[in-house]
Amino acid sequence: MRASKNEGSTPKRNRVSERYRAPEQQAKGAGLAVGMGSGLAVGVAFGFALDNIGLGIALGVAVGAGMGTAMEAAFKKKRDEGRGED
């Protein structure tokens, strides 16, 4: 009987668990990236509807940056409350 290739070696990491982490484990700036990405998508759709893509992109990035900053502040507040810090 042949031994499998992975026998005796360390198991592979679960890639899904590396991507989706709890808020306290996320890298700094993750909220901003998510906010800007979603804001940009909504802004492009809004700009397309108004026949002014440039305005939609500008508004989407601005609104997305605001949303991302708010999400990061909420993550930080939640993390600090969990540690008992003020």
Protein backbone atom coordinates (compact mmCIF):
# COMPACT_ATOMS: atom_id res chain seq x y z
CA MET A 1 0.00 0.00 0.00
CA ARG A 2 1.40 3.39 -1.01
CA ALA A 3 1.58 6.25 1.44
CA SER A 4 -0.09 9.44 0.36
CA LYS A 5 1.99 12.50 -0.50
CA ASN A 6 0.70 14.53 2.43
CA GLU A 7 1.21 11.86 5.06
CA GLY A 8 3.49 13.09 7.79
CA SER A 9 3.50 16.67 6.55
CA THR A 10 1.77 19.60 8.19
CA PRO A 11 -1.82 20.20 7.04
CA LYS A 12 -2.51 22.98 4.58
CA ARG A 13 -3.91 26.20 5.93
CA ASN A 14 -7.56 26.90 5.43
CA ARG A 15 -7.54 29.78 2.96
CA VAL A 16 -11.12 30.79 3.72
CA SER A 17 -10.35 31.38 7.40
CA GLU A 18 -7.40 33.58 6.43
CA ARG A 19 -9.59 35.84 4.29
CA TYR A 20 -12.55 36.25 6.60
CA ARG A 21 -11.37 37.24 10.02
CA ALA A 22 -13.10 38.69 13.01
CA PRO A 23 -13.06 42.51 13.17
CA GLU A 24 -10.43 42.52 15.91
CA GLN A 25 -8.09 40.48 13.71
CA GLN A 26 -8.51 42.51 10.52
CA ALA A 27 -5.67 44.60 9.22
CA LYS A 28 -5.87 48.32 9.72
CA GLY A 29 -7.43 49.98 6.69
CA ALA A 30 -9.67 47.06 5.81
CA GLY A 31 -12.82 49.03 6.63
CA LEU A 32 -11.67 51.91 4.46
CA ALA A 33 -11.01 49.59 1.53
CA VAL A 34 -14.42 47.95 1.83
CA GLY A 35 -16.16 51.31 2.19
CA MET A 36 -14.41 52.85 -0.79
CA GLY A 37 -15.03 49.78 -2.93
CA SER A 38 -18.72 49.69 -2.21
CA GLY A 39 -19.02 53.48 -2.47
CA LEU A 40 -17.29 53.43 -5.83
CA ALA A 41 -19.61 50.72 -7.15
CA VAL A 42 -22.71 52.63 -6.03
CA GLY A 43 -21.23 55.88 -7.36
CA VAL A 44 -20.60 54.44 -10.81
CA ALA A 45 -24.17 53.15 -10.96
CA PHE A 46 -25.44 56.53 -9.78
CA GLY A 47 -23.25 58.34 -12.33
CA PHE A 48 -24.44 56.07 -15.12
CA ALA A 49 -28.06 56.79 -14.20
CA LEU A 50 -27.38 60.55 -14.28
CA ASP A 51 -25.25 60.26 -17.45
CA ASN A 52 -22.28 61.74 -15.57
CA ILE A 53 -19.86 58.96 -14.63
CA GLY A 54 -17.19 61.38 -13.37
CA LEU A 55 -19.54 62.91 -10.82
CA GLY A 56 -20.69 59.46 -9.73
CA ILE A 57 -17.12 58.25 -9.22
CA ALA A 58 -16.21 61.35 -7.21
CA LEU A 59 -19.31 61.09 -5.02
CA GLY A 60 -18.88 57.34 -4.61
CA VAL A 61 -15.27 57.63 -3.45
CA ALA A 62 -16.15 60.46 -1.04
CA VAL A 63 -19.13 58.64 0.46
CA GLY A 64 -17.22 55.35 0.53
CA ALA A 65 -14.28 56.92 2.37
CA GLY A 66 -16.68 58.29 4.96
CA MET A 67 -18.37 54.92 5.36
CA GLY A 68 -15.01 53.16 5.63
CA THR A 69 -13.76 55.55 8.27
CA ALA A 70 -16.96 55.05 10.26
CA MET A 71 -16.61 51.26 9.97
CA GLU A 72 -13.03 51.38 11.21
CA ALA A 73 -14.08 53.55 14.16
CA ALA A 74 -16.84 51.06 15.00
CA PHE A 75 -14.39 48.13 14.76
CA LYS A 76 -11.92 49.94 17.02
CA LYS A 77 -14.62 50.82 19.55
CA LYS A 78 -15.87 47.23 19.62
CA ARG A 79 -12.34 45.88 20.01
CA ASP A 80 -11.50 48.32 22.81
CA GLU A 81 -14.72 47.50 24.68
CA GLY A 82 -13.83 43.82 24.51
CA ARG A 83 -10.46 44.49 26.11
CA GLY A 84 -11.93 46.67 28.85
CA GLU A 85 -10.06 49.78 27.70
CA ASP A 86 -11.57 53.24 27.50
